[in-house]
Amino acid sequence: MDMRTITLRYENGTLIPLDTLDLKEGETITVTVASGTDDDRRRRADVLKAACGMWKGNVDGETMLREIYAARENDGTRKVEI
């Protein structure tokens, strides 16, 4: 599956591609809509990149999962320490 990001403009109920699409007549595609300006998208991407790996070395993932599952099974009568 070939994936790429293109820009479209919404006009009178229709999405109009601003880039060339190499599609065959009748071909079906999936579109994911992300509204906002390019600056908004870049800012969100920067925040995500900055957060990547921030838990590494601080949290034991296996222990955390066990505690989460234990808390879900808790009927409210047991104290779950995290």
Protein backbone atom coordinates (compact mmCIF):
# COMPACT_ATOMS: atom_id res chain seq x y z
CA MET A 1 0.00 0.00 0.00
CA ASP A 2 1.41 3.36 -1.05
CA MET A 3 0.83 6.11 1.51
CA ARG A 4 1.50 9.80 1.20
CA THR A 5 0.17 13.04 2.59
CA ILE A 6 -1.50 15.54 0.29
CA THR A 7 -3.29 18.82 0.87
CA LEU A 8 -6.94 19.26 -0.04
CA ARG A 9 -9.27 22.23 0.03
CA TYR A 10 -12.90 21.86 1.12
CA GLU A 11 -15.16 23.82 -1.21
CA ASN A 12 -18.94 23.60 -1.62
CA GLY A 13 -19.12 20.15 0.00
CA THR A 14 -16.25 18.72 -2.05
CA LEU A 15 -12.63 17.93 -1.16
CA ILE A 16 -10.39 19.24 -3.93
CA PRO A 17 -6.82 17.88 -4.08
CA LEU A 18 -4.15 20.55 -4.36
CA ASP A 19 -1.61 17.93 -5.44
CA THR A 20 -1.64 15.52 -8.37
CA LEU A 21 -3.09 12.08 -7.61
CA ASP A 22 -1.92 9.05 -9.59
CA LEU A 23 -5.14 7.07 -9.38
CA LYS A 24 -6.86 4.73 -11.78
CA GLU A 25 -10.45 5.51 -12.74
CA GLY A 26 -12.77 3.99 -10.14
CA GLU A 27 -9.96 3.33 -7.62
CA THR A 28 -11.01 3.51 -3.97
CA ILE A 29 -8.82 5.34 -1.46
CA THR A 30 -9.01 6.08 2.28
CA VAL A 31 -8.75 9.68 3.45
CA THR A 32 -7.80 10.76 6.97
CA VAL A 33 -8.87 14.31 7.75
CA ALA A 34 -6.57 16.47 9.90
CA SER A 35 -7.76 20.04 10.10
CA GLY A 36 -5.72 22.99 11.25
CA THR A 37 -2.88 25.00 9.86
CA ASP A 38 0.54 23.61 8.96
CA ASP A 39 1.89 25.45 12.03
CA ASP A 40 -0.65 23.65 14.26
CA ARG A 41 0.37 20.26 12.86
CA ARG A 42 4.09 21.05 13.20
CA ARG A 43 3.58 22.20 16.80
CA ARG A 44 1.71 18.98 17.70
CA ALA A 45 4.40 16.89 16.01
CA ASP A 46 7.13 18.77 17.92
CA VAL A 47 5.37 18.11 21.24
CA LEU A 48 5.07 14.40 20.46
CA LYS A 49 8.72 14.17 19.43
CA ALA A 50 9.81 15.96 22.62
CA ALA A 51 7.80 13.48 24.74
CA CYS A 52 9.23 10.38 23.05
CA GLY A 53 11.28 8.34 25.47
CA MET A 54 10.70 10.56 28.49
CA TRP A 55 9.57 7.54 30.58
CA LYS A 56 12.54 5.40 29.55
CA GLY A 57 14.53 4.39 32.62
CA ASN A 58 11.96 5.93 34.97
CA VAL A 59 9.19 3.33 34.77
CA ASP A 60 9.33 -0.45 34.56
CA GLY A 61 6.75 -1.21 31.87
CA GLU A 62 6.04 -4.78 32.99
CA THR A 63 5.41 -3.71 36.59
CA MET A 64 3.21 -0.86 35.44
CA LEU A 65 1.09 -3.22 33.30
CA ARG A 66 0.68 -5.69 36.18
CA GLU A 67 -0.46 -2.85 38.45
CA ILE A 68 -2.91 -1.54 35.87
CA TYR A 69 -4.44 -4.99 35.37
CA ALA A 70 -4.59 -5.53 39.14
CA ALA A 71 -6.37 -2.20 39.57
CA ARG A 72 -8.92 -3.16 36.88
CA GLU A 73 -9.67 -6.41 38.71
CA ASN A 74 -9.99 -4.61 42.04
CA ASP A 75 -13.60 -4.50 43.24
CA GLY A 76 -12.89 -1.55 45.50
CA THR A 77 -12.19 -3.62 48.63
CA ARG A 78 -8.44 -3.96 48.08
CA LYS A 79 -5.96 -1.12 48.21
CA VAL A 80 -3.85 -0.98 45.05
CA GLU A 81 -0.56 0.84 45.41
CA ILE A 82 1.05 2.33 42.35
